N, C-alpha and C. Protein backbone atom coordinates (compact mmCIF):
# COMPACT_ATOMS: atom_id res chain seq x y z
N MET A 1 -42.77 -120.03 30.59
CA MET A 1 -42.55 -119.59 31.94
C MET A 1 -42.54 -120.78 32.90
N ASN A 2 -43.37 -121.79 32.61
CA ASN A 2 -43.41 -122.97 33.46
C ASN A 2 -42.07 -123.68 33.49
N THR A 3 -41.37 -123.71 32.36
CA THR A 3 -40.06 -124.35 32.31
C THR A 3 -39.09 -123.63 33.22
N LEU A 4 -39.12 -122.29 33.18
CA LEU A 4 -38.24 -121.51 34.04
C LEU A 4 -38.56 -121.77 35.50
N GLN A 5 -39.83 -121.80 35.83
CA GLN A 5 -40.22 -122.07 37.21
C GLN A 5 -39.80 -123.48 37.63
N ASN A 6 -39.96 -124.45 36.75
CA ASN A 6 -39.56 -125.81 37.08
C ASN A 6 -38.06 -125.90 37.28
N ASN A 7 -37.29 -125.18 36.47
CA ASN A 7 -35.84 -125.19 36.61
C ASN A 7 -35.40 -124.52 37.90
N LEU A 8 -36.16 -123.52 38.35
CA LEU A 8 -35.80 -122.83 39.59
C LEU A 8 -36.35 -123.51 40.83
N SER A 9 -37.21 -124.52 40.65
CA SER A 9 -37.86 -125.14 41.81
C SER A 9 -36.90 -125.92 42.69
N PHE A 10 -35.72 -126.24 42.18
CA PHE A 10 -34.75 -126.96 43.00
C PHE A 10 -34.26 -126.09 44.15
N CYS A 11 -34.32 -124.81 43.98
CA CYS A 11 -33.86 -123.88 45.01
C CYS A 11 -34.87 -123.85 46.15
N ALA A 12 -34.41 -123.91 47.36
CA ALA A 12 -35.29 -123.96 48.53
C ALA A 12 -36.18 -122.73 48.62
N VAL A 13 -35.64 -121.58 48.25
CA VAL A 13 -36.42 -120.34 48.32
C VAL A 13 -37.59 -120.41 47.35
N PHE A 14 -37.32 -120.83 46.13
CA PHE A 14 -38.37 -120.88 45.14
C PHE A 14 -39.40 -121.96 45.44
N SER A 15 -38.97 -123.07 46.01
CA SER A 15 -39.93 -124.13 46.31
C SER A 15 -40.83 -123.74 47.48
N ALA A 16 -40.36 -122.84 48.34
CA ALA A 16 -41.16 -122.39 49.48
C ALA A 16 -42.21 -121.35 49.05
N LEU A 17 -42.00 -120.71 47.93
CA LEU A 17 -42.92 -119.68 47.46
C LEU A 17 -44.05 -120.29 46.65
N ASN A 18 -45.22 -119.67 46.72
CA ASN A 18 -46.31 -120.14 45.87
C ASN A 18 -46.11 -119.64 44.44
N ARG A 19 -46.92 -120.08 43.54
CA ARG A 19 -46.77 -119.78 42.11
C ARG A 19 -46.78 -118.28 41.83
N CYS A 20 -47.69 -117.56 42.43
CA CYS A 20 -47.81 -116.12 42.21
C CYS A 20 -46.57 -115.38 42.69
N ALA A 21 -46.06 -115.76 43.85
CA ALA A 21 -44.86 -115.11 44.39
C ALA A 21 -43.65 -115.39 43.51
N ARG A 22 -43.57 -116.58 42.97
CA ARG A 22 -42.47 -116.91 42.05
C ARG A 22 -42.51 -116.03 40.81
N LEU A 23 -43.70 -115.86 40.26
CA LEU A 23 -43.84 -115.01 39.07
C LEU A 23 -43.42 -113.58 39.37
N VAL A 24 -43.82 -113.06 40.49
CA VAL A 24 -43.46 -111.69 40.87
C VAL A 24 -41.95 -111.57 41.03
N LEU A 25 -41.34 -112.55 41.65
CA LEU A 25 -39.90 -112.52 41.87
C LEU A 25 -39.14 -112.61 40.55
N VAL A 26 -39.53 -113.52 39.68
CA VAL A 26 -38.86 -113.66 38.39
C VAL A 26 -39.04 -112.40 37.56
N ARG A 27 -40.25 -111.85 37.53
CA ARG A 27 -40.48 -110.60 36.79
C ARG A 27 -39.67 -109.45 37.36
N GLY A 28 -39.51 -109.42 38.67
CA GLY A 28 -38.69 -108.39 39.31
C GLY A 28 -37.24 -108.47 38.87
N PHE A 29 -36.71 -109.70 38.84
CA PHE A 29 -35.33 -109.88 38.39
C PHE A 29 -35.17 -109.46 36.93
N LEU A 30 -36.11 -109.85 36.09
CA LEU A 30 -36.04 -109.48 34.68
C LEU A 30 -36.17 -107.97 34.51
N GLY A 31 -37.05 -107.35 35.27
CA GLY A 31 -37.21 -105.90 35.20
C GLY A 31 -35.96 -105.17 35.63
N ALA A 32 -35.32 -105.65 36.68
CA ALA A 32 -34.08 -105.03 37.15
C ALA A 32 -32.97 -105.16 36.11
N ALA A 33 -32.91 -106.31 35.48
CA ALA A 33 -31.89 -106.51 34.44
C ALA A 33 -32.12 -105.57 33.26
N MET A 34 -33.37 -105.40 32.87
CA MET A 34 -33.69 -104.48 31.77
C MET A 34 -33.37 -103.04 32.16
N ALA A 35 -33.66 -102.66 33.39
CA ALA A 35 -33.37 -101.30 33.84
C ALA A 35 -31.87 -101.02 33.80
N LEU A 36 -31.07 -102.00 34.18
CA LEU A 36 -29.62 -101.81 34.13
C LEU A 36 -29.11 -101.67 32.71
N MET A 37 -29.73 -102.39 31.79
CA MET A 37 -29.28 -102.32 30.40
C MET A 37 -29.56 -100.95 29.79
N PHE A 38 -30.62 -100.30 30.22
CA PHE A 38 -30.99 -99.03 29.62
C PHE A 38 -30.62 -97.82 30.47
N CYS A 39 -30.07 -98.03 31.61
CA CYS A 39 -29.71 -96.93 32.50
C CYS A 39 -28.38 -96.33 32.03
N HIS A 40 -28.37 -95.03 31.76
CA HIS A 40 -27.15 -94.39 31.27
C HIS A 40 -26.06 -94.36 32.34
N ALA A 41 -26.44 -94.27 33.59
CA ALA A 41 -25.44 -94.26 34.65
C ALA A 41 -24.69 -95.58 34.70
N ALA A 42 -25.37 -96.66 34.39
CA ALA A 42 -24.71 -97.96 34.39
C ALA A 42 -23.77 -98.10 33.21
N LEU A 43 -23.92 -97.24 32.22
CA LEU A 43 -23.09 -97.31 31.03
C LEU A 43 -21.97 -96.28 31.03
N ALA A 44 -21.64 -95.71 32.17
CA ALA A 44 -20.58 -94.71 32.24
C ALA A 44 -19.27 -95.31 31.72
N LEU A 45 -18.59 -94.51 30.93
CA LEU A 45 -17.36 -94.95 30.28
C LEU A 45 -16.32 -93.86 30.47
N ASP A 46 -15.20 -94.20 31.09
CA ASP A 46 -14.14 -93.22 31.29
C ASP A 46 -13.23 -93.19 30.08
N ILE A 47 -12.96 -92.00 29.59
CA ILE A 47 -12.17 -91.86 28.36
C ILE A 47 -10.73 -92.33 28.55
N ASN A 48 -10.24 -92.32 29.78
CA ASN A 48 -8.88 -92.79 30.04
C ASN A 48 -8.79 -94.32 30.09
N GLN A 49 -9.92 -95.00 30.16
CA GLN A 49 -9.93 -96.47 30.24
C GLN A 49 -10.50 -97.13 28.99
N ALA A 50 -11.23 -96.37 28.18
CA ALA A 50 -11.97 -96.94 27.05
C ALA A 50 -11.03 -97.37 25.92
N ASN A 51 -11.38 -98.49 25.29
CA ASN A 51 -10.63 -98.91 24.11
C ASN A 51 -11.26 -98.27 22.86
N GLU A 52 -10.67 -98.52 21.72
CA GLU A 52 -11.12 -97.87 20.48
C GLU A 52 -12.55 -98.25 20.12
N ALA A 53 -12.90 -99.51 20.29
CA ALA A 53 -14.26 -99.95 19.97
C ALA A 53 -15.30 -99.28 20.87
N GLU A 54 -14.97 -99.13 22.15
CA GLU A 54 -15.88 -98.47 23.08
C GLU A 54 -16.05 -97.00 22.73
N LEU A 55 -14.97 -96.35 22.35
CA LEU A 55 -15.06 -94.95 21.94
C LEU A 55 -15.87 -94.81 20.66
N ASP A 56 -15.66 -95.72 19.71
CA ASP A 56 -16.42 -95.68 18.45
C ASP A 56 -17.92 -95.86 18.68
N SER A 57 -18.29 -96.52 19.77
CA SER A 57 -19.71 -96.76 20.02
C SER A 57 -20.45 -95.51 20.50
N ILE A 58 -19.72 -94.47 20.84
CA ILE A 58 -20.34 -93.22 21.29
C ILE A 58 -20.79 -92.44 20.08
N LYS A 59 -22.07 -92.06 20.06
CA LYS A 59 -22.63 -91.32 18.93
C LYS A 59 -21.90 -89.99 18.78
N GLY A 60 -21.40 -89.74 17.57
CA GLY A 60 -20.68 -88.51 17.29
C GLY A 60 -19.17 -88.64 17.40
N MET A 61 -18.69 -89.78 17.91
CA MET A 61 -17.24 -89.94 18.07
C MET A 61 -16.60 -90.34 16.75
N GLY A 62 -16.94 -91.45 16.20
CA GLY A 62 -16.39 -91.89 14.92
C GLY A 62 -14.97 -92.39 15.03
N PRO A 63 -14.52 -93.14 14.03
CA PRO A 63 -13.18 -93.75 14.06
C PRO A 63 -12.03 -92.73 14.07
N SER A 64 -12.16 -91.64 13.32
CA SER A 64 -11.05 -90.69 13.26
C SER A 64 -10.89 -89.94 14.59
N LEU A 65 -12.00 -89.57 15.20
CA LEU A 65 -11.91 -88.86 16.48
C LEU A 65 -11.44 -89.79 17.60
N SER A 66 -11.91 -91.02 17.58
CA SER A 66 -11.44 -91.96 18.61
C SER A 66 -9.95 -92.25 18.45
N ALA A 67 -9.46 -92.28 17.21
CA ALA A 67 -8.02 -92.46 16.98
C ALA A 67 -7.23 -91.27 17.54
N LYS A 68 -7.77 -90.06 17.37
CA LYS A 68 -7.12 -88.86 17.93
C LYS A 68 -7.08 -88.93 19.45
N VAL A 69 -8.18 -89.40 20.05
CA VAL A 69 -8.23 -89.52 21.51
C VAL A 69 -7.19 -90.51 21.99
N ILE A 70 -7.08 -91.64 21.34
CA ILE A 70 -6.11 -92.67 21.76
C ILE A 70 -4.68 -92.19 21.57
N THR A 71 -4.42 -91.47 20.47
CA THR A 71 -3.08 -90.92 20.23
C THR A 71 -2.72 -89.91 21.33
N ALA A 72 -3.64 -89.01 21.65
CA ALA A 72 -3.37 -88.01 22.69
C ALA A 72 -3.23 -88.68 24.05
N ARG A 73 -4.01 -89.70 24.31
CA ARG A 73 -3.97 -90.40 25.59
C ARG A 73 -2.66 -91.17 25.77
N SER A 74 -2.04 -91.56 24.67
CA SER A 74 -0.77 -92.29 24.77
C SER A 74 0.34 -91.42 25.37
N GLN A 75 0.16 -90.11 25.33
CA GLN A 75 1.12 -89.18 25.92
C GLN A 75 0.86 -88.96 27.41
N GLY A 76 -0.24 -89.52 27.90
CA GLY A 76 -0.61 -89.41 29.31
C GLY A 76 -2.11 -89.30 29.44
N PRO A 77 -2.66 -89.73 30.59
CA PRO A 77 -4.11 -89.67 30.77
C PRO A 77 -4.61 -88.22 30.81
N PHE A 78 -5.86 -88.06 30.44
CA PHE A 78 -6.48 -86.74 30.49
C PHE A 78 -6.81 -86.41 31.94
N LYS A 79 -6.48 -85.18 32.37
CA LYS A 79 -6.73 -84.76 33.75
C LYS A 79 -8.19 -84.38 33.97
N ASP A 80 -8.74 -83.68 33.00
CA ASP A 80 -10.13 -83.22 33.09
C ASP A 80 -10.63 -82.90 31.69
N TRP A 81 -11.87 -82.40 31.61
CA TRP A 81 -12.47 -82.13 30.31
C TRP A 81 -11.71 -81.03 29.56
N SER A 82 -11.23 -80.01 30.25
CA SER A 82 -10.51 -78.95 29.54
C SER A 82 -9.19 -79.47 28.97
N ASP A 83 -8.54 -80.37 29.69
CA ASP A 83 -7.32 -81.01 29.17
C ASP A 83 -7.64 -81.81 27.92
N LEU A 84 -8.74 -82.55 27.95
CA LEU A 84 -9.17 -83.32 26.77
C LEU A 84 -9.43 -82.39 25.59
N MET A 85 -10.16 -81.30 25.82
CA MET A 85 -10.50 -80.37 24.73
C MET A 85 -9.28 -79.65 24.17
N GLN A 86 -8.26 -79.43 25.01
CA GLN A 86 -7.02 -78.81 24.53
C GLN A 86 -6.20 -79.76 23.67
N ARG A 87 -6.15 -81.02 24.06
CA ARG A 87 -5.26 -81.97 23.41
C ARG A 87 -5.87 -82.68 22.21
N VAL A 88 -7.20 -82.69 22.09
CA VAL A 88 -7.85 -83.40 20.98
C VAL A 88 -8.62 -82.40 20.14
N THR A 89 -8.15 -82.19 18.91
CA THR A 89 -8.88 -81.31 18.01
C THR A 89 -10.17 -82.00 17.59
N GLY A 90 -11.24 -81.26 17.58
CA GLY A 90 -12.53 -81.83 17.21
C GLY A 90 -13.45 -82.02 18.41
N ILE A 91 -12.92 -81.85 19.61
CA ILE A 91 -13.76 -81.92 20.80
C ILE A 91 -13.76 -80.55 21.46
N ARG A 92 -14.91 -79.92 21.43
CA ARG A 92 -15.12 -78.63 22.08
C ARG A 92 -16.31 -78.77 23.02
N GLN A 93 -16.83 -77.68 23.53
CA GLN A 93 -17.88 -77.75 24.55
C GLN A 93 -19.12 -78.50 24.11
N ASN A 94 -19.60 -78.24 22.89
CA ASN A 94 -20.81 -78.93 22.44
C ASN A 94 -20.61 -80.43 22.34
N LYS A 95 -19.48 -80.84 21.75
CA LYS A 95 -19.18 -82.28 21.65
C LYS A 95 -19.00 -82.89 23.03
N ALA A 96 -18.29 -82.17 23.90
CA ALA A 96 -18.05 -82.68 25.25
C ALA A 96 -19.38 -82.88 25.98
N ARG A 97 -20.28 -81.93 25.86
CA ARG A 97 -21.59 -82.06 26.49
C ARG A 97 -22.36 -83.25 25.92
N GLN A 98 -22.32 -83.39 24.59
CA GLN A 98 -23.00 -84.51 23.92
C GLN A 98 -22.43 -85.85 24.39
N PHE A 99 -21.11 -85.96 24.46
CA PHE A 99 -20.49 -87.20 24.91
C PHE A 99 -20.80 -87.49 26.37
N SER A 100 -20.78 -86.46 27.20
CA SER A 100 -21.07 -86.62 28.62
C SER A 100 -22.50 -87.09 28.85
N GLU A 101 -23.43 -86.59 28.06
CA GLU A 101 -24.83 -87.01 28.18
C GLU A 101 -25.01 -88.49 27.83
N GLN A 102 -24.09 -89.02 27.04
CA GLN A 102 -24.13 -90.44 26.68
C GLN A 102 -23.39 -91.31 27.69
N GLY A 103 -22.81 -90.70 28.71
CA GLY A 103 -22.15 -91.47 29.76
C GLY A 103 -20.64 -91.40 29.77
N LEU A 104 -20.03 -90.63 28.87
CA LEU A 104 -18.58 -90.51 28.84
C LEU A 104 -18.11 -89.61 29.98
N THR A 105 -17.06 -90.02 30.66
CA THR A 105 -16.49 -89.23 31.74
C THR A 105 -14.99 -89.07 31.54
N VAL A 106 -14.42 -88.09 32.21
CA VAL A 106 -12.97 -87.92 32.27
C VAL A 106 -12.61 -88.02 33.75
N ASN A 107 -11.85 -89.03 34.11
CA ASN A 107 -11.52 -89.31 35.51
C ASN A 107 -12.78 -89.42 36.37
N GLY A 108 -13.82 -90.02 35.81
CA GLY A 108 -15.06 -90.23 36.55
C GLY A 108 -15.98 -89.02 36.63
N GLN A 109 -15.57 -87.90 36.03
CA GLN A 109 -16.35 -86.67 36.12
C GLN A 109 -17.09 -86.40 34.81
N PRO A 110 -18.40 -86.11 34.87
CA PRO A 110 -19.12 -85.70 33.67
C PRO A 110 -18.72 -84.27 33.29
N PHE A 111 -19.04 -83.88 32.08
CA PHE A 111 -18.70 -82.55 31.62
C PHE A 111 -19.45 -81.51 32.45
N GLY A 112 -18.73 -80.48 32.86
CA GLY A 112 -19.35 -79.40 33.64
C GLY A 112 -19.32 -79.62 35.13
N ALA A 113 -18.88 -80.79 35.59
CA ALA A 113 -18.82 -81.05 37.02
C ALA A 113 -17.61 -80.36 37.62
N LYS A 114 -17.75 -79.93 38.83
CA LYS A 114 -16.62 -79.30 39.54
C LYS A 114 -15.70 -80.39 40.08
N PRO A 115 -14.38 -80.27 39.83
CA PRO A 115 -13.44 -81.31 40.28
C PRO A 115 -13.30 -81.36 41.78
């Protein structure tokens, strides 16, 4: 931690703060970064923008289902969740809810949201 503080001491803000305040500030930044990494809202992924690898990373999607999504999307973007469920076999209400809980959206909307 001393190395980090020494590296940050060149900054006028950090040099003006006492040791305790620096620790609090650094811990705050690290805590905020960790919160962003684990926050599901920060991980929202729109199905019309996602690539195959991003779709595969969704639990329950798998390579075959993500390939179906990309094939259907090549004919045009999905308008909403019902459009997605009509055009992609293998995605029904339970799957849509599961995917939405993991941060997947259609045009920025989670499953069950009113357009």
